[in-house]
Amino acid sequence: MATQTNKEAPVIDSIEVSAYTIPTDKPESDGTLEWDQTTLVLVQARAGGKSGIGYTYTNPAAVEVIRGKLAGVVLNKFKGGVLSDGYGVESYYAVGYGEQA
């Protein structure tokens, strides 16, 4: 079970987002569609001089959704924190506070 390691976390002050299209070694399929590349969307959040990353495999259009909608919701409105899994692995997360968007 993950535990919180810092209760007084700083507010998220910047979000950077980028997309990377990576070719596959050979065409892949799930039985309904076939593709020859995969797109990874990467988000880096900064707060209090530290940064955390998150990523997903999705359409590059997600970059504009994050920049245009998500960033405006979380910047200066969410506190970041660190979770520890008890095995030395720590993960960055965001906790909302104050007014709802």
Protein backbone atom coordinates (compact mmCIF):
# COMPACT_ATOMS: atom_id res chain seq x y z
CA MET A 1 0.00 0.00 0.00
CA ALA A 2 1.36 3.41 -0.96
CA THR A 3 1.87 5.98 1.76
CA GLN A 4 2.21 9.75 1.50
CA THR A 5 5.71 10.96 2.39
CA ASN A 6 5.15 14.74 2.47
CA LYS A 7 2.01 16.55 3.55
CA GLU A 8 3.16 20.11 2.80
CA ALA A 9 3.69 19.73 -0.93
CA PRO A 10 4.14 22.72 -3.24
CA VAL A 11 1.64 23.90 -5.85
CA ILE A 12 2.22 22.70 -9.43
CA ASP A 13 3.74 25.65 -11.26
CA SER A 14 4.40 24.31 -14.76
CA ILE A 15 3.25 21.58 -17.12
CA GLU A 16 5.14 20.53 -20.26
CA VAL A 17 3.65 18.10 -22.75
CA SER A 18 5.06 16.43 -25.83
CA ALA A 19 4.26 13.56 -28.18
CA TYR A 20 6.63 11.04 -29.73
CA THR A 21 5.69 8.75 -32.60
CA ILE A 22 7.67 5.52 -32.50
CA PRO A 23 7.69 3.06 -35.41
CA THR A 24 7.07 -0.58 -34.52
CA ASP A 25 9.45 -3.34 -35.64
CA LYS A 26 6.68 -4.82 -37.78
CA PRO A 27 2.95 -4.15 -38.26
CA GLU A 28 0.88 -4.89 -35.16
CA SER A 29 -2.80 -5.71 -34.80
CA ASP A 30 -5.43 -6.30 -32.13
CA GLY A 31 -7.72 -8.19 -34.52
CA THR A 32 -9.71 -5.11 -35.54
CA LEU A 33 -7.06 -2.55 -36.52
CA GLU A 34 -3.48 -2.70 -37.75
CA TRP A 35 -0.73 -0.13 -37.13
CA ASP A 36 2.97 0.35 -37.77
CA GLN A 37 3.69 3.07 -35.22
CA THR A 38 2.76 4.03 -31.66
CA THR A 39 2.45 7.51 -30.18
CA LEU A 40 3.55 8.21 -26.62
CA VAL A 41 2.31 11.41 -24.94
CA LEU A 42 4.58 12.58 -22.11
CA VAL A 43 3.65 15.13 -19.43
CA GLN A 44 6.14 16.67 -17.02
CA ALA A 45 4.82 18.63 -14.04
CA ARG A 46 7.05 20.86 -11.89
CA ALA A 47 6.46 22.01 -8.33
CA GLY A 48 8.80 23.27 -5.67
CA GLY A 49 11.93 22.66 -7.71
CA LYS A 50 11.06 19.01 -8.37
CA SER A 51 9.44 17.36 -11.36
CA GLY A 52 7.32 14.31 -12.06
CA ILE A 53 6.35 12.62 -15.30
CA GLY A 54 3.41 10.68 -16.61
CA TYR A 55 2.79 9.11 -19.99
CA THR A 56 0.26 7.23 -22.03
CA TYR A 57 -0.01 5.75 -25.50
CA THR A 58 -2.65 7.70 -27.39
CA ASN A 59 -3.38 9.99 -30.31
CA PRO A 60 -1.14 13.08 -30.52
CA ALA A 61 -4.31 15.21 -30.32
CA ALA A 62 -4.13 14.59 -26.55
CA VAL A 63 -1.28 17.13 -26.43
CA GLU A 64 -3.64 19.98 -27.29
CA VAL A 65 -6.27 18.74 -24.82
CA ILE A 66 -3.66 18.75 -22.05
CA ARG A 67 -2.27 22.17 -23.04
CA GLY A 68 -5.66 23.74 -23.68
CA LYS A 69 -7.77 22.25 -20.89
CA LEU A 70 -5.87 20.20 -18.29
CA ALA A 71 -2.99 22.62 -17.73
CA GLY A 72 -5.41 25.45 -16.99
CA VAL A 73 -7.17 23.29 -14.42
CA VAL A 74 -4.10 22.09 -12.50
CA LEU A 75 -1.63 24.98 -12.70
CA ASN A 76 -1.48 26.80 -9.36
CA LYS A 77 -4.57 24.89 -8.21
CA PHE A 78 -3.16 21.45 -7.37
CA LYS A 79 -0.57 20.44 -4.86
CA GLY A 80 1.92 17.75 -5.77
CA GLY A 81 2.94 15.03 -3.41
CA VAL A 82 5.08 11.95 -3.29
CA LEU A 83 3.84 8.44 -2.66
CA SER A 84 6.17 5.70 -1.51
CA ASP A 85 5.31 2.06 -2.18
CA GLY A 86 7.37 0.81 0.77
CA TYR A 87 9.97 -0.74 -1.55
CA GLY A 88 11.85 2.46 -2.34
CA VAL A 89 9.76 3.42 -5.37
CA GLU A 90 8.29 6.89 -5.18
CA SER A 91 5.62 8.36 -7.47
CA TYR A 92 4.53 11.97 -7.93
CA TYR A 93 0.82 12.72 -7.78
CA ALA A 94 -1.49 15.72 -7.73
CA VAL A 95 -4.14 16.52 -5.16
CA GLY A 96 -6.81 19.10 -5.89
CA TYR A 97 -7.75 21.80 -3.41
CA GLY A 98 -9.70 25.04 -3.30
CA GLU A 99 -12.26 25.92 -5.95
CA GLN A 100 -13.42 23.33 -8.44
CA ALA A 101 -12.89 24.15 -12.12
